């Protein structure tokens, strides 16, 4: 809940909704993994309807955070890419959080962090499994 509150407050200072921030996180993660990000990928990851996805993309495009480009292999396919503005503003939004989290993490040993990492991974996997059963 606190992470959501942070994103709401920090994103609000840039006139961005949590969904906008989540969309940029999805685009960044897929881009870092070398994957092409399409509107369909965004729709699926954020669990949005097609009209809501289009409105989201239009909003991020208008604000200068993403650009739409045609895929060179399939000109019908549109891919989404973050702009330098998005990276710059994202860094500014999340730098204070990263600083505070870094300070908090420094108080834990490597072994403790490994245990917490295993625990959090297991909890995420359990949540994903439960969600899959609910769908």
Protein backbone atom coordinates (compact mmCIF):
# COMPACT_ATOMS: atom_id res chain seq x y z
CA UNK A 1 0.00 0.00 0.00
CA UNK A 2 2.80 2.41 0.81
CA UNK A 3 4.44 1.79 -2.57
CA UNK A 4 1.10 2.62 -4.24
CA UNK A 5 0.78 5.76 -2.15
CA UNK A 6 4.30 6.81 -3.09
CA UNK A 7 3.59 6.31 -6.80
CA UNK A 8 0.32 8.24 -6.48
CA UNK A 9 1.99 11.21 -4.75
CA UNK A 10 5.21 11.24 -6.78
CA UNK A 11 3.41 10.66 -10.09
CA UNK A 12 0.84 13.29 -9.18
CA UNK A 13 3.60 15.90 -9.03
CA UNK A 14 4.22 15.14 -12.72
CA UNK A 15 0.48 14.97 -13.54
CA UNK A 16 0.74 11.22 -14.06
CA UNK A 17 -1.70 8.62 -12.77
CA UNK A 18 -0.53 5.32 -11.30
CA UNK A 19 -1.58 3.56 -14.52
CA UNK A 20 0.73 5.88 -16.47
CA UNK A 21 3.61 5.04 -14.16
CA UNK A 22 2.83 1.33 -14.34
CA UNK A 23 2.75 1.51 -18.14
CA UNK A 24 6.17 3.13 -18.23
CA UNK A 25 7.48 0.44 -15.87
CA UNK A 26 6.15 -2.28 -18.20
CA UNK A 27 7.71 -0.61 -21.23
CA UNK A 28 11.03 -0.16 -19.43
CA UNK A 29 11.13 -3.78 -18.21
CA UNK A 30 10.34 -5.26 -21.61
CA UNK A 31 12.76 -2.91 -23.38
CA UNK A 32 15.55 -3.86 -20.96
CA UNK A 33 14.83 -7.52 -21.74
CA UNK A 34 15.10 -6.80 -25.48
CA UNK A 35 11.40 -7.36 -26.13
CA UNK A 36 9.22 -5.29 -28.43
CA UNK A 37 6.44 -3.55 -26.52
CA UNK A 38 3.16 -3.30 -28.39
CA UNK A 39 -0.20 -1.92 -27.28
CA UNK A 40 -1.32 -5.54 -26.86
CA UNK A 41 1.53 -6.26 -24.44
CA UNK A 42 0.60 -3.18 -22.42
CA UNK A 43 -3.10 -4.11 -22.45
CA UNK A 44 -2.40 -7.62 -21.21
CA UNK A 45 0.14 -6.64 -18.54
CA UNK A 46 -2.03 -3.86 -17.11
CA UNK A 47 -5.29 -5.78 -17.55
CA UNK A 48 -6.93 -2.94 -19.48
CA UNK A 49 -9.60 -2.88 -22.16
CA UNK A 50 -8.58 -1.92 -25.68
CA UNK A 51 -10.20 1.55 -25.41
CA UNK A 52 -8.51 2.17 -22.03
CA UNK A 53 -5.16 1.08 -23.50
CA UNK A 54 -5.59 3.45 -26.44
CA UNK A 55 -6.45 6.33 -24.08
CA UNK A 56 -3.40 5.51 -21.95
CA UNK A 57 -1.07 5.42 -24.95
CA UNK A 58 -2.55 8.66 -26.30
CA UNK A 59 -2.00 10.33 -22.91
CA UNK A 60 1.62 9.14 -22.65
CA UNK A 61 2.30 10.15 -26.25
CA UNK A 62 0.77 13.61 -25.76
CA UNK A 63 2.78 14.16 -22.57
CA UNK A 64 6.00 13.28 -24.40
CA UNK A 65 6.75 10.12 -22.41
CA UNK A 66 6.47 7.61 -25.24
CA UNK A 67 6.56 7.48 -29.01
CA UNK A 68 4.82 5.06 -31.33
CA UNK A 69 7.01 3.55 -34.01
CA UNK A 70 6.25 1.09 -36.75
CA UNK A 71 8.05 -2.22 -36.39
CA UNK A 72 10.61 -2.53 -39.19
CA UNK A 73 9.81 -6.24 -39.67
CA UNK A 74 6.02 -5.80 -39.73
CA UNK A 75 4.96 -2.26 -40.64
CA UNK A 76 1.43 -2.96 -39.38
CA UNK A 77 2.66 -3.48 -35.85
CA UNK A 78 3.17 -0.43 -33.63
CA UNK A 79 5.80 -0.57 -30.92
CA UNK A 80 6.01 1.73 -27.94
CA UNK A 81 9.25 3.33 -26.81
CA UNK A 82 10.05 5.58 -23.89
CA UNK A 83 11.48 9.01 -24.61
CA UNK A 84 14.46 10.61 -22.87
CA UNK A 85 11.92 12.80 -21.03
CA UNK A 86 10.32 9.68 -19.52
CA UNK A 87 13.69 8.35 -18.34
CA UNK A 88 14.64 11.74 -16.89
CA UNK A 89 11.35 12.27 -15.07
CA UNK A 90 11.24 8.64 -13.93
CA UNK A 91 14.68 9.02 -12.42
CA UNK A 92 13.62 12.19 -10.63
CA UNK A 93 10.42 10.57 -9.35
CA UNK A 94 12.06 7.40 -8.05
CA UNK A 95 15.46 8.74 -6.88
CA UNK A 96 14.20 9.68 -3.39
CA UNK A 97 12.58 6.25 -2.97
CA UNK A 98 15.73 4.48 -4.14
CA UNK A 99 17.84 6.56 -1.73
CA UNK A 100 15.65 5.76 1.27
CA UNK A 101 15.39 2.09 0.34
CA UNK A 102 19.16 1.88 -0.11
CA UNK A 103 19.71 3.29 3.36
CA UNK A 104 17.18 0.84 4.83
CA UNK A 105 18.74 -2.13 2.99
CA UNK A 106 22.21 -1.25 4.23
CA UNK A 107 21.12 -2.24 7.74
CA UNK A 108 20.73 -5.89 6.65
CA UNK A 109 23.40 -8.51 6.07
CA UNK A 110 23.77 -10.37 2.76
CA UNK A 111 22.32 -13.49 4.37
CA UNK A 112 19.30 -11.56 5.66
CA UNK A 113 18.72 -10.01 2.23
CA UNK A 114 18.94 -13.45 0.60
CA UNK A 115 16.30 -14.75 3.01
CA UNK A 116 14.04 -11.77 2.37
CA UNK A 117 14.52 -12.19 -1.38
CA UNK A 118 13.55 -15.87 -1.21
CA UNK A 119 10.53 -14.98 0.94
CA UNK A 120 9.33 -12.17 -1.35
CA UNK A 121 9.82 -14.33 -4.44
CA UNK A 122 7.79 -17.12 -2.86
CA UNK A 123 5.02 -14.68 -1.87
CA UNK A 124 4.83 -13.20 -5.37
CA UNK A 125 4.69 -16.69 -6.88
CA UNK A 126 1.94 -17.68 -4.42
CA UNK A 127 -0.04 -14.55 -5.28
CA UNK A 128 0.32 -15.23 -9.02
CA UNK A 129 -0.82 -18.83 -8.51
CA UNK A 130 -3.86 -17.72 -6.48
CA UNK A 131 -4.76 -15.13 -9.11
CA UNK A 132 -4.53 -17.80 -11.81
CA UNK A 133 -7.02 -19.94 -9.92
CA UNK A 134 -9.38 -16.98 -9.56
CA UNK A 135 -9.45 -16.15 -13.28
